Each structure stands twice: as C-alpha cells, then as structure tokens.
Protein backbone atom coordinates (compact mmCIF):
# COMPACT_ATOMS: atom_id res chain seq x y z
CA MET A 1 -5.64 -17.46 4.47
CA LYS A 2 -4.10 -15.56 1.58
CA THR A 3 -1.72 -12.77 2.52
CA ILE A 4 -1.18 -9.73 0.33
CA VAL A 5 1.54 -7.30 1.39
CA VAL A 6 1.43 -3.84 -0.16
CA PRO A 7 4.29 -1.85 1.39
CA ASN A 8 3.99 1.22 -0.82
CA VAL A 9 0.85 2.89 0.50
CA ILE A 10 -0.41 6.39 1.06
CA LYS A 11 -1.29 6.90 4.68
CA GLU A 12 -3.34 9.66 6.22
CA SER A 13 -4.04 10.13 9.91
CA THR A 14 -5.40 12.67 12.31
CA LYS A 15 -3.03 14.34 14.76
CA ALA A 16 -4.41 12.25 17.62
CA LEU A 17 -4.29 9.05 15.52
CA GLY A 18 -8.03 8.68 15.94
CA THR A 19 -8.42 7.89 12.24
CA ALA A 20 -6.03 6.28 9.78
CA ILE A 21 -6.66 5.73 6.08
CA VAL A 22 -4.51 3.37 4.04
CA TYR A 23 -4.76 3.13 0.25
CA ALA A 24 -3.54 0.02 -1.59
CA LEU A 25 -2.35 1.28 -4.96
CA ALA A 26 -3.99 -0.50 -7.88
CA ASP A 27 -0.83 -0.49 -9.99
CA ASP A 28 1.45 -1.78 -7.23
CA PRO A 29 2.93 -5.14 -8.39
CA ASN A 30 2.45 -6.54 -4.87
CA ASN A 31 -1.26 -5.78 -4.92
CA THR A 32 -2.84 -8.87 -6.50
CA ALA A 33 -6.08 -8.72 -4.54
CA ALA A 34 -9.34 -9.20 -6.46
CA LEU A 35 -12.89 -9.84 -5.29
CA VAL A 36 -13.70 -11.98 -8.33
CA GLY A 37 -11.34 -14.40 -10.07
CA SER A 38 -9.70 -17.80 -9.84
CA SER A 39 -8.04 -16.88 -6.51
CA PRO A 40 -10.20 -14.17 -4.93
CA LEU A 41 -9.37 -12.17 -1.83
CA ARG A 42 -12.71 -11.15 -0.33
CA SER A 43 -11.89 -10.02 3.19
CA PHE A 44 -8.97 -8.50 5.03
CA LYS A 45 -7.66 -7.76 8.50
CA VAL A 46 -5.71 -4.69 9.46
CA ILE A 47 -2.33 -5.21 11.19
CA LEU A 48 -0.75 -2.12 12.74
CA THR A 49 2.87 -1.82 13.88
CA ARG A 50 4.06 1.43 15.47
CA THR A 51 7.70 2.46 15.10
CA ARG A 52 9.22 5.05 17.43
CA ASN A 53 12.24 7.36 17.09
CA GLU A 54 12.68 6.59 13.41
CA TYR A 55 13.09 10.30 12.73
CA LEU A 56 14.08 12.37 15.75
CA TYR A 57 14.38 15.57 13.67
CA PRO A 58 11.90 15.11 10.83
CA ASN A 59 11.80 18.81 9.94
CA VAL A 60 15.56 19.32 9.70
CA PRO A 61 16.80 17.44 6.60
CA THR A 62 20.48 18.26 7.28
CA THR A 63 20.61 16.43 10.61
CA PRO A 64 22.30 13.01 10.74
CA SER A 65 20.20 9.85 10.62
CA THR A 66 18.84 8.47 13.84
CA ASN A 67 21.09 5.87 15.43
CA GLU A 68 19.41 2.48 14.89
CA VAL A 69 19.82 1.54 18.56
CA LEU A 70 17.27 4.25 19.38
CA VAL A 71 14.66 2.96 16.92
CA TYR A 72 12.21 0.35 18.14
CA SER A 73 8.82 -1.03 17.10
CA CYS A 74 5.86 -2.10 19.18
CA ALA A 75 4.46 -5.58 18.70
CA PRO A 76 1.98 -5.76 15.80
CA VAL A 77 -1.69 -5.39 16.67
CA GLN A 78 -4.18 -7.25 14.48
CA SER A 79 -7.85 -6.46 14.09
CA PRO A 80 -10.02 -9.24 15.57
CA VAL A 81 -12.62 -9.01 12.80
CA ASN A 82 -12.62 -9.46 9.05
CA TYR A 83 -13.47 -6.50 6.85
CA TYR A 84 -15.38 -7.03 3.62
CA PRO A 85 -15.09 -4.47 0.82
CA LEU A 86 -18.25 -3.72 -1.11
CA ASN A 87 -17.94 -2.52 -4.66
CA GLU A 88 -20.90 -0.30 -5.51
CA TRP A 89 -20.63 1.37 -8.90
CA GLY A 90 -22.92 4.16 -9.96
CA ALA A 91 -25.26 3.83 -6.98
CA GLN A 92 -25.24 7.49 -5.96
CA THR A 93 -24.05 9.03 -9.21
CA GLU A 94 -24.99 9.27 -12.86
CA PRO A 95 -24.98 5.93 -14.74
CA LEU A 96 -21.52 4.75 -15.73
CA ALA A 97 -20.63 4.79 -19.43
CA TYR A 98 -18.59 2.00 -21.00
CA GLU A 99 -15.98 3.19 -23.50
CA MET A 100 -17.11 1.54 -26.73
CA ALA A 101 -14.03 2.69 -28.74
CA GLY A 102 -15.88 1.95 -31.98
CA ARG A 103 -16.37 -1.74 -31.17
CA PRO A 104 -19.56 -3.65 -32.06
CA MET A 105 -21.91 -4.21 -29.14
CA GLN A 106 -21.12 -7.93 -28.76
CA ASP A 107 -17.36 -7.32 -28.76
CA ALA A 108 -17.72 -4.57 -26.15
CA LEU A 109 -19.95 -6.72 -23.92
CA THR A 110 -17.59 -9.72 -24.16
CA ALA A 111 -14.56 -7.58 -23.24
CA PHE A 112 -16.49 -6.04 -20.34
CA PHE A 113 -17.62 -9.35 -18.84
CA GLN A 114 -14.22 -10.99 -19.33
CA ALA A 115 -12.55 -8.19 -17.38
CA LEU A 116 -15.31 -8.22 -14.77
CA PHE A 117 -15.24 -11.97 -14.07
CA ASN A 118 -11.43 -12.22 -14.19
CA THR A 119 -11.43 -15.95 -15.22
CA ALA A 120 -13.75 -16.82 -12.31
CA ASP A 121 -15.88 -19.98 -12.40
CA LEU A 122 -19.40 -18.56 -12.59
CA SER A 123 -20.86 -21.74 -11.08
CA THR A 124 -19.29 -20.71 -7.74
CA MET A 125 -21.07 -17.34 -7.63
CA GLY A 126 -24.48 -15.80 -7.90
CA LEU A 127 -25.02 -13.57 -10.92
CA GLU A 128 -27.92 -11.30 -11.82
CA ILE A 129 -28.15 -9.10 -14.92
CA GLY A 130 -30.90 -6.63 -15.73
CA VAL A 131 -31.15 -5.11 -19.22
CA SER A 132 -32.87 -1.86 -20.21
CA LEU A 133 -33.10 0.32 -23.29
CA VAL A 134 -32.65 4.03 -22.51
CA TRP A 135 -32.83 7.11 -24.71
CA ARG A 136 -33.76 10.78 -24.71
CA LYS A 137 -36.20 12.67 -26.93
CA GLY A 138 -36.52 16.37 -26.32
CA SER A 139 -37.02 16.92 -22.59
CA LEU A 140 -38.19 13.33 -22.06
CA ASP A 141 -35.82 10.66 -20.67
CA ILE A 142 -37.08 7.13 -21.30
CA ALA A 143 -35.95 3.83 -19.77
CA THR A 144 -37.57 0.55 -20.78
CA PRO A 145 -36.53 -2.47 -18.68
CA PHE A 146 -37.25 -5.52 -20.80
CA SER A 147 -35.23 -8.51 -19.60
CA ILE A 148 -33.40 -10.01 -16.64
CA LEU A 149 -31.04 -12.92 -16.05
CA PRO A 150 -32.28 -14.05 -12.61
CA SER A 151 -29.93 -15.07 -9.83
CA ASP A 152 -31.01 -18.74 -10.01
CA PHE A 153 -30.02 -19.07 -13.67
CA LEU A 154 -26.57 -18.96 -15.28
CA PRO A 155 -25.46 -18.78 -18.92
CA ALA A 156 -25.34 -22.29 -20.37
CA ASP A 157 -21.54 -22.34 -20.69
CA LYS A 158 -20.99 -20.44 -17.40
CA THR A 159 -18.48 -18.07 -19.03
CA ALA A 160 -18.09 -14.35 -19.57
CA GLY A 161 -18.82 -14.89 -23.26
CA GLY A 162 -22.06 -16.64 -22.32
CA ALA A 163 -23.13 -13.69 -20.17
CA ALA A 164 -22.40 -11.31 -23.04
CA GLN A 165 -24.31 -13.55 -25.44
CA PHE A 166 -27.34 -13.50 -23.12
CA VAL A 167 -27.42 -9.70 -23.31
CA VAL A 168 -27.01 -9.74 -27.10
CA ASN A 169 -29.78 -12.33 -27.46
CA VAL A 170 -32.30 -10.33 -25.46
CA CYS A 171 -31.30 -7.11 -27.24
CA SER A 172 -31.95 -8.81 -30.59
CA LYS A 173 -35.64 -8.77 -29.67
CA LEU A 174 -35.67 -4.98 -29.89
CA PRO A 175 -37.53 -3.39 -32.81
CA SER A 176 -34.13 -2.77 -34.39
CA THR A 177 -32.47 -6.20 -34.39
CA THR A 178 -29.19 -4.68 -35.58
CA LEU A 179 -28.55 -3.18 -32.11
CA GLN A 180 -28.85 0.37 -33.37
CA ALA A 181 -30.43 3.39 -31.75
CA PRO A 182 -34.21 3.80 -32.19
CA PRO A 183 -35.26 6.37 -34.81
CA ASP A 184 -36.08 9.98 -33.95
CA VAL A 185 -34.16 10.11 -30.66
CA GLU A 186 -31.56 12.60 -29.47
CA GLU A 187 -28.21 11.74 -31.01
CA GLY A 188 -25.91 9.85 -28.66
CA SER A 189 -28.61 9.29 -26.03
CA ALA A 190 -29.63 5.70 -26.84
CA ALA A 191 -27.88 2.95 -24.90
CA ILE A 192 -28.25 -0.54 -23.51
CA ARG A 193 -28.16 -0.14 -19.71
CA LEU A 194 -27.08 -3.07 -17.54
CA ARG A 195 -27.70 -3.63 -13.84
CA ILE A 196 -25.29 -6.29 -12.52
CA LYS A 197 -25.02 -7.96 -9.14
CA ILE A 198 -22.49 -10.65 -8.18
CA THR A 199 -22.59 -12.54 -4.87
CA ASP A 200 -20.20 -15.01 -3.28
CA GLN A 201 -22.63 -17.95 -3.28
CA PRO A 202 -24.22 -19.82 -6.17
CA PRO A 203 -28.01 -20.21 -6.04
CA THR A 204 -29.49 -23.36 -4.51
CA THR A 205 -31.45 -24.86 -7.38
CA THR A 206 -32.05 -28.47 -6.27
CA ARG A 207 -33.25 -30.06 -3.08
CA SER A 208 -30.17 -32.29 -2.97
CA GLN A 209 -27.94 -29.28 -2.35
CA PRO A 210 -27.23 -28.44 1.30
CA PRO A 211 -28.85 -25.23 2.56
CA GLN A 212 -26.67 -22.15 2.69
CA THR A 213 -25.35 -21.55 6.21
CA ALA A 214 -25.03 -17.81 5.76
CA PRO A 215 -26.68 -15.26 3.49
CA ALA A 216 -24.87 -14.51 0.27
CA ARG A 217 -22.47 -11.58 0.46
CA THR A 218 -22.59 -9.02 -2.34
CA LEU A 219 -19.21 -8.76 -4.09
CA LEU A 220 -20.13 -6.27 -6.77
CA ASP A 221 -23.22 -4.16 -7.36
CA ILE A 222 -23.34 -2.07 -10.53
CA ALA A 223 -26.47 0.03 -10.38
CA ALA A 224 -26.23 1.21 -14.01
CA ILE A 225 -23.67 1.06 -16.79
CA ASP A 226 -24.53 2.20 -20.32
CA PHE A 227 -23.32 0.75 -23.64
CA GLN A 228 -24.07 3.37 -26.27
CA LEU A 229 -25.95 2.45 -29.40
CA SER A 230 -24.80 4.00 -32.67
C-alpha cells in the first residue's frame, strides 16, 4: 500500500462533527497522488486522530500556551473500506475548452494527452476516445460524431503521442484536411470535441488472457472537451 501524507489541509466540520471535509491541496509538495501514471494511487482510507485540550482558550490569543501534560490524543481510527475517487469532467456543465495558446492542433493534442496519461503504460489501462466536429451557424448548434477509438483497441505505440496521432488522423478525413474551421460558420464556434474514458483494466482481447475478476473501474471520464479550430 502506498501512503501519502498531506499535513497541510483545509478542514471543515459541523458543530456536532457529523460531517468533516478534508481537502488535499494540489500544490502541496507532499501530495504526489495521481489516478493515472507510473505509480498511481487509486484508492484511499481515512484515518482520524482526535486531540484534546490543545487549545484551552482558543478565543483569547493573549493567554499562555496549554501545558503539554494536559494535551492528549485518542488512538487513530481507520476507515474499514477503501474510497475510490471518480474524476468526471464536464458531465453536468458546459463542455470544457482546452487552452490552445496559438499552438497547432497536433501540438495541443500531444501536450494534452501527455499531461493526462502522466507517463502511464497505456497497455495496463482501458482507453476510449470519441471524436466529434462541432460548430454554430446562426441559432443552430451542430455536432457531428464521426469517429471513435474503441476500448478494445489501443494506439499502435501505446503512448500519449499515439493517442494524439489517432485524433489527428481521423480529423484529416474532414472536408478541410488542414484542420481548419468549416466555411460560413460563426467565428470561434468550430472545434474538435473529444469524449475520453480511462479505466483501470486493459481490455481482454484474446482467449488466452484470464477473465477479469472484477468489472473495470472508471478512473477518468471526460464528457466533452473542445479544441478550437482556427
């Protein structure tokens, strides 16, 4: 089991301690947890330790510190079950928009997938990519799904660059093979929209592989992220 200790957290609780919320800060140097990568952390258990008498007069800053002999902690209590975070991006909101920063489409896609996969070996996961062309003309919003990388098929080189190349290859079949916006559409509305799903189990593609003992767990589900066409 991999242990990540993040001491600097923001804690919220109700007065009766019926609910407690703990946030692990993304920029904390002790927080190295990642769902996808070469050393992923995909579940966690909560351990709670209660300390008493640490501040006997919390509302009077001029009082002396509590004598350490009066401070004591209860034994830690650990949750008996594992908790699994689920990253769902853009499921209940407007589609996400990738910041192109003037980069060509292939460069932007490669940078996106490299950051997303975090040096992970794609052969150890399930990956599904859906590709659509979206644009707006007047009061009409149009989305044209035209390709999918199914979950039982991986890019030939099993890398982030290969996933980006798959998207570029299917987009090259558009009427405009230069990956530009279609003509006569509202300016800034045309984009390549991706639907991405990553699971913790690779697909079973041959009969020689043992059957999966448990259903695949979804690690990341991006309902829609747009890469704007110029």
